[in-house]
Amino acid sequence: MNTNETNEVHVLLADDDIDDSYIFTSAVRQSKLPIQLSIAENGQKLLSYLNSNPLPDIIFLDINMPFKNGIECLTAIRANDKFKKIAVVMYSTTDNRPNVDACYNSGANLYVVKPNSFEEVDRMVKKICSKEWVSHASTPPKEQFIASSF
């Protein structure tokens, strides 16, 4: 785990949707968990961030983004030894099977369909952004790869 001196979990959200980013940010603030949140508005900014800033513990990675989509970013992250220990949660509006399979095969740790309510986002943040989850993050068996209830 790449936690900083304050023992915060460093979360990097890569999402081009302003509303989704706002809801995620609000849930992080409300969670009261020791989370340092950084945001990249697209895939290109995400990769640039990773190459010039302290590494996050976990990345929430939207699939449909401009410049570089989430699957392209995931492939680049997993191809770089420097980034291999970062937990990557794919964060998408759909559970499109080809996307799910591509994310699983490319080394994502979890696939989350974006929750429909703030309460579900809040529960998801509390569950996935905990130090315990991040420190034990590994890719589950394929049948458990999609997280569906929070």
C-alpha atoms as a PDB file:
ATOM      1  CA  MET A   1       0.000   0.000   0.000  1.00  0.00           C
ATOM      2  CA  ASN A   2       1.298   3.445  -0.914  1.00  0.00           C
ATOM      3  CA  THR A   3      -0.172   5.335   2.037  1.00  0.00           C
ATOM      4  CA  ASN A   4       1.395   8.645   2.969  1.00  0.00           C
ATOM      5  CA  GLU A   5       2.638   9.775   6.380  1.00  0.00           C
ATOM      6  CA  THR A   6      -0.872  10.487   7.675  1.00  0.00           C
ATOM      7  CA  ASN A   7      -1.933   6.927   6.834  1.00  0.00           C
ATOM      8  CA  GLU A   8      -4.553   8.164   4.397  1.00  0.00           C
ATOM      9  CA  VAL A   9      -5.683   6.034   1.505  1.00  0.00           C
ATOM     10  CA  HIS A  10      -4.821   7.948  -1.661  1.00  0.00           C
ATOM     11  CA  VAL A  11      -7.664   7.541  -4.165  1.00  0.00           C
ATOM     12  CA  LEU A  12      -7.371   8.751  -7.750  1.00  0.00           C
ATOM     13  CA  LEU A  13     -10.659   9.102  -9.627  1.00  0.00           C
ATOM     14  CA  ALA A  14     -10.337   9.175 -13.416  1.00  0.00           C
ATOM     15  CA  ASP A  15     -13.702  10.261 -14.791  1.00  0.00           C
ATOM     16  CA  ASP A  16     -14.701  12.848 -17.377  1.00  0.00           C
ATOM     17  CA  ASP A  17     -18.304  13.150 -16.132  1.00  0.00           C
ATOM     18  CA  ILE A  18     -18.573  16.231 -13.895  1.00  0.00           C
ATOM     19  CA  ASP A  19     -21.725  14.999 -12.139  1.00  0.00           C
ATOM     20  CA  ASP A  20     -20.254  11.569 -11.362  1.00  0.00           C
ATOM     21  CA  SER A  21     -17.062  13.197 -10.055  1.00  0.00           C
ATOM     22  CA  TYR A  22     -19.062  15.547  -7.839  1.00  0.00           C
ATOM     23  CA  ILE A  23     -21.116  12.693  -6.357  1.00  0.00           C
ATOM     24  CA  PHE A  24     -17.975  10.603  -5.768  1.00  0.00           C
ATOM     25  CA  THR A  25     -16.192  13.577  -4.144  1.00  0.00           C
ATOM     26  CA  SER A  26     -19.195  14.272  -1.907  1.00  0.00           C
ATOM     27  CA  ALA A  27     -19.322  10.627  -0.822  1.00  0.00           C
ATOM     28  CA  VAL A  28     -15.602  10.682   0.014  1.00  0.00           C
ATOM     29  CA  ARG A  29     -16.072  13.816   2.147  1.00  0.00           C
ATOM     30  CA  GLN A  30     -19.100  12.358   3.918  1.00  0.00           C
ATOM     31  CA  SER A  31     -17.395   9.015   4.570  1.00  0.00           C
ATOM     32  CA  LYS A  32     -15.097  10.484   7.240  1.00  0.00           C
ATOM     33  CA  LEU A  33     -12.480   7.944   6.136  1.00  0.00           C
ATOM     34  CA  PRO A  34      -8.865   9.131   5.928  1.00  0.00           C
ATOM     35  CA  ILE A  35      -8.917   9.535   2.148  1.00  0.00           C
ATOM     36  CA  GLN A  36      -6.802  11.818   0.016  1.00  0.00           C
ATOM     37  CA  LEU A  37      -8.706  12.261  -3.257  1.00  0.00           C
ATOM     38  CA  SER A  38      -7.165  13.300  -6.558  1.00  0.00           C
ATOM     39  CA  ILE A  39      -9.061  13.628  -9.835  1.00  0.00           C
ATOM     40  CA  ALA A  40      -8.035  13.234 -13.470  1.00  0.00           C
ATOM     41  CA  GLU A  41     -10.611  14.389 -16.022  1.00  0.00           C
ATOM     42  CA  ASN A  42      -9.555  11.991 -18.775  1.00  0.00           C
ATOM     43  CA  GLY A  43      -7.254   9.072 -19.532  1.00  0.00           C
ATOM     44  CA  GLN A  44      -4.401  11.186 -20.821  1.00  0.00           C
ATOM     45  CA  LYS A  45      -4.403  13.295 -17.626  1.00  0.00           C
ATOM     46  CA  LEU A  46      -4.520  10.116 -15.545  1.00  0.00           C
ATOM     47  CA  LEU A  47      -1.358   8.714 -17.117  1.00  0.00           C
ATOM     48  CA  SER A  48       0.353  12.091 -16.865  1.00  0.00           C
ATOM     49  CA  TYR A  49      -0.632  12.279 -13.172  1.00  0.00           C
ATOM     50  CA  LEU A  50       0.799   8.832 -12.467  1.00  0.00           C
ATOM     51  CA  ASN A  51       4.115   9.798 -14.025  1.00  0.00           C
ATOM     52  CA  SER A  52       4.538  13.055 -12.102  1.00  0.00           C
ATOM     53  CA  ASN A  53       2.883  12.672  -8.667  1.00  0.00           C
ATOM     54  CA  PRO A  54       2.959  10.344  -5.664  1.00  0.00           C
ATOM     55  CA  LEU A  55       1.264   7.099  -6.615  1.00  0.00           C
ATOM     56  CA  PRO A  56      -2.262   6.458  -5.383  1.00  0.00           C
ATOM     57  CA  ASP A  57      -3.288   3.345  -3.495  1.00  0.00           C
ATOM     58  CA  ILE A  58      -6.369   2.877  -5.646  1.00  0.00           C
ATOM     59  CA  ILE A  59      -7.650   4.184  -8.967  1.00  0.00           C
ATOM     60  CA  PHE A  60     -11.330   4.357  -9.842  1.00  0.00           C
ATOM     61  CA  LEU A  61     -11.170   4.267 -13.632  1.00  0.00           C
ATOM     62  CA  ASP A  62     -14.087   5.183 -15.876  1.00  0.00           C
ATOM     63  CA  ILE A  63     -14.129   3.267 -19.143  1.00  0.00           C
ATOM     64  CA  ASN A  64     -15.642   5.841 -21.496  1.00  0.00           C
ATOM     65  CA  MET A  65     -13.303   8.841 -21.448  1.00  0.00           C
ATOM     66  CA  PRO A  66     -11.821  11.045 -24.151  1.00  0.00           C
ATOM     67  CA  PHE A  67      -8.220  10.846 -25.404  1.00  0.00           C
ATOM     68  CA  LYS A  68      -7.511   7.458 -23.777  1.00  0.00           C
ATOM     69  CA  ASN A  69     -10.339   5.249 -22.592  1.00  0.00           C
ATOM     70  CA  GLY A  70     -10.230   3.321 -19.337  1.00  0.00           C
ATOM     71  CA  ILE A  71      -9.236   0.013 -20.904  1.00  0.00           C
ATOM     72  CA  GLU A  72      -6.314   1.665 -22.709  1.00  0.00           C
ATOM     73  CA  CYS A  73      -5.281   3.290 -19.422  1.00  0.00           C
ATOM     74  CA  LEU A  74      -5.576  -0.008 -17.544  1.00  0.00           C
ATOM     75  CA  THR A  75      -3.370  -1.709 -20.138  1.00  0.00           C
ATOM     76  CA  ALA A  76      -0.745   1.047 -19.792  1.00  0.00           C
ATOM     77  CA  ILE A  77      -0.885   0.892 -15.986  1.00  0.00           C
ATOM     78  CA  ARG A  78      -0.438  -2.875 -15.862  1.00  0.00           C
ATOM     79  CA  ALA A  79       2.400  -2.739 -18.416  1.00  0.00           C
ATOM     80  CA  ASN A  80       4.470  -0.469 -16.158  1.00  0.00           C
ATOM     81  CA  ASP A  81       6.191  -2.184 -13.213  1.00  0.00           C
ATOM     82  CA  LYS A  82       6.088   1.103 -11.281  1.00  0.00           C
ATOM     83  CA  PHE A  83       2.261   0.971 -11.224  1.00  0.00           C
ATOM     84  CA  LYS A  84       1.596  -2.753 -10.778  1.00  0.00           C
ATOM     85  CA  LYS A  85       0.779  -2.535  -7.058  1.00  0.00           C
ATOM     86  CA  ILE A  86      -1.933   0.100  -7.523  1.00  0.00           C
ATOM     87  CA  ALA A  87      -5.416  -1.362  -7.048  1.00  0.00           C
ATOM     88  CA  VAL A  88      -7.564  -0.519 -10.091  1.00  0.00           C
ATOM     89  CA  VAL A  89     -11.352  -0.478  -9.882  1.00  0.00           C
ATOM     90  CA  MET A  90     -13.095  -0.071 -13.210  1.00  0.00           C
ATOM     91  CA  TYR A  91     -15.980   2.353 -12.705  1.00  0.00           C
ATOM     92  CA  SER A  92     -18.543   2.276 -15.502  1.00  0.00           C
ATOM     93  CA  THR A  93     -22.183   3.005 -16.250  1.00  0.00           C
ATOM     94  CA  THR A  94     -22.654  -0.429 -17.812  1.00  0.00           C
ATOM     95  CA  ASP A  95     -21.669  -4.046 -17.284  1.00  0.00           C
ATOM     96  CA  ASN A  96     -21.154  -4.596 -21.010  1.00  0.00           C
ATOM     97  CA  ARG A  97     -19.690  -8.136 -21.181  1.00  0.00           C
ATOM     98  CA  PRO A  98     -16.893  -7.367 -23.693  1.00  0.00           C
ATOM     99  CA  ASN A  99     -15.747  -4.455 -21.489  1.00  0.00           C
ATOM    100  CA  VAL A 100     -15.941  -6.548 -18.324  1.00  0.00           C
ATOM    101  CA  ASP A 101     -13.938  -9.338 -19.966  1.00  0.00           C
ATOM    102  CA  ALA A 102     -11.339  -6.886 -21.315  1.00  0.00           C
ATOM    103  CA  CYS A 103     -10.918  -5.304 -17.869  1.00  0.00           C
ATOM    104  CA  TYR A 104     -10.619  -8.669 -16.142  1.00  0.00           C
ATOM    105  CA  ASN A 105      -8.098  -9.929 -18.687  1.00  0.00           C
ATOM    106  CA  SER A 106      -6.097  -6.686 -18.460  1.00  0.00           C
ATOM    107  CA  GLY A 107      -5.643  -6.979 -14.690  1.00  0.00           C
ATOM    108  CA  ALA A 108      -8.261  -4.781 -13.016  1.00  0.00           C
ATOM    109  CA  ASN A 109      -8.954  -5.670  -9.390  1.00  0.00           C
ATOM    110  CA  LEU A 110     -12.698  -5.032  -9.473  1.00  0.00           C
ATOM    111  CA  TYR A 111     -15.443  -3.832 -11.802  1.00  0.00           C
ATOM    112  CA  VAL A 112     -18.122  -1.542 -10.377  1.00  0.00           C
ATOM    113  CA  VAL A 113     -21.222  -0.394 -12.202  1.00  0.00           C
ATOM    114  CA  LYS A 114     -21.732   3.209 -11.094  1.00  0.00           C
ATOM    115  CA  PRO A 115     -24.410   3.213  -8.404  1.00  0.00           C
ATOM    116  CA  ASN A 116     -27.715   4.990  -9.089  1.00  0.00           C
ATOM    117  CA  SER A 117     -28.008   6.856  -5.797  1.00  0.00           C
ATOM    118  CA  PHE A 118     -25.790   8.911  -3.544  1.00  0.00           C
ATOM    119  CA  GLU A 119     -26.406   6.441  -0.704  1.00  0.00           C
ATOM    120  CA  GLU A 120     -25.051   3.569  -2.816  1.00  0.00           C
ATOM    121  CA  VAL A 121     -22.003   5.616  -3.853  1.00  0.00           C
ATOM    122  CA  ASP A 122     -21.441   6.428  -0.179  1.00  0.00           C
ATOM    123  CA  ARG A 123     -21.587   2.726   0.801  1.00  0.00           C
ATOM    124  CA  MET A 124     -19.293   1.806  -2.104  1.00  0.00           C
ATOM    125  CA  VAL A 125     -16.713   4.415  -1.074  1.00  0.00           C
ATOM    126  CA  LYS A 126     -16.792   3.211   2.534  1.00  0.00           C
ATOM    127  CA  LYS A 127     -16.342  -0.412   1.474  1.00  0.00           C
ATOM    128  CA  ILE A 128     -13.733  -0.105  -1.284  1.00  0.00           C
ATOM    129  CA  CYS A 129     -11.728   2.868  -0.003  1.00  0.00           C
ATOM    130  CA  SER A 130     -11.048   1.353   3.390  1.00  0.00           C
ATOM    131  CA  LYS A 131      -7.458   0.568   4.304  1.00  0.00           C
ATOM    132  CA  GLU A 132      -8.448  -3.071   4.773  1.00  0.00           C
ATOM    133  CA  TRP A 133      -9.811  -3.484   1.242  1.00  0.00           C
ATOM    134  CA  VAL A 134      -6.902  -1.669  -0.388  1.00  0.00           C
ATOM    135  CA  SER A 135      -4.271  -3.626   1.540  1.00  0.00           C
ATOM    136  CA  HIS A 136      -5.823  -6.950   0.464  1.00  0.00           C
ATOM    137  CA  ALA A 137      -6.882  -5.965  -3.060  1.00  0.00           C
ATOM    138  CA  SER A 138      -6.422  -8.722  -5.567  1.00  0.00           C
ATOM    139  CA  THR A 139      -8.348  -9.770  -8.626  1.00  0.00           C
ATOM    140  CA  PRO A 140     -11.161 -12.066  -7.488  1.00  0.00           C
ATOM    141  CA  PRO A 141     -12.398 -15.086  -9.436  1.00  0.00           C
ATOM    142  CA  LYS A 142     -14.214 -13.956 -12.579  1.00  0.00           C
ATOM    143  CA  GLU A 143     -17.674 -14.709 -11.161  1.00  0.00           C
ATOM    144  CA  GLN A 144     -16.967 -12.242  -8.299  1.00  0.00           C
ATOM    145  CA  PHE A 145     -15.264  -9.564 -10.444  1.00  0.00           C
ATOM    146  CA  ILE A 146     -18.355  -7.360 -10.819  1.00  0.00           C
ATOM    147  CA  ALA A 147     -19.336  -5.707  -7.540  1.00  0.00           C
ATOM    148  CA  SER A 148     -23.055  -5.148  -7.667  1.00  0.00           C
ATOM    149  CA  SER A 149     -24.435  -4.376  -4.238  1.00  0.00           C
ATOM    150  CA  PHE A 150     -23.431  -1.673  -1.802  1.00  0.00           C
END
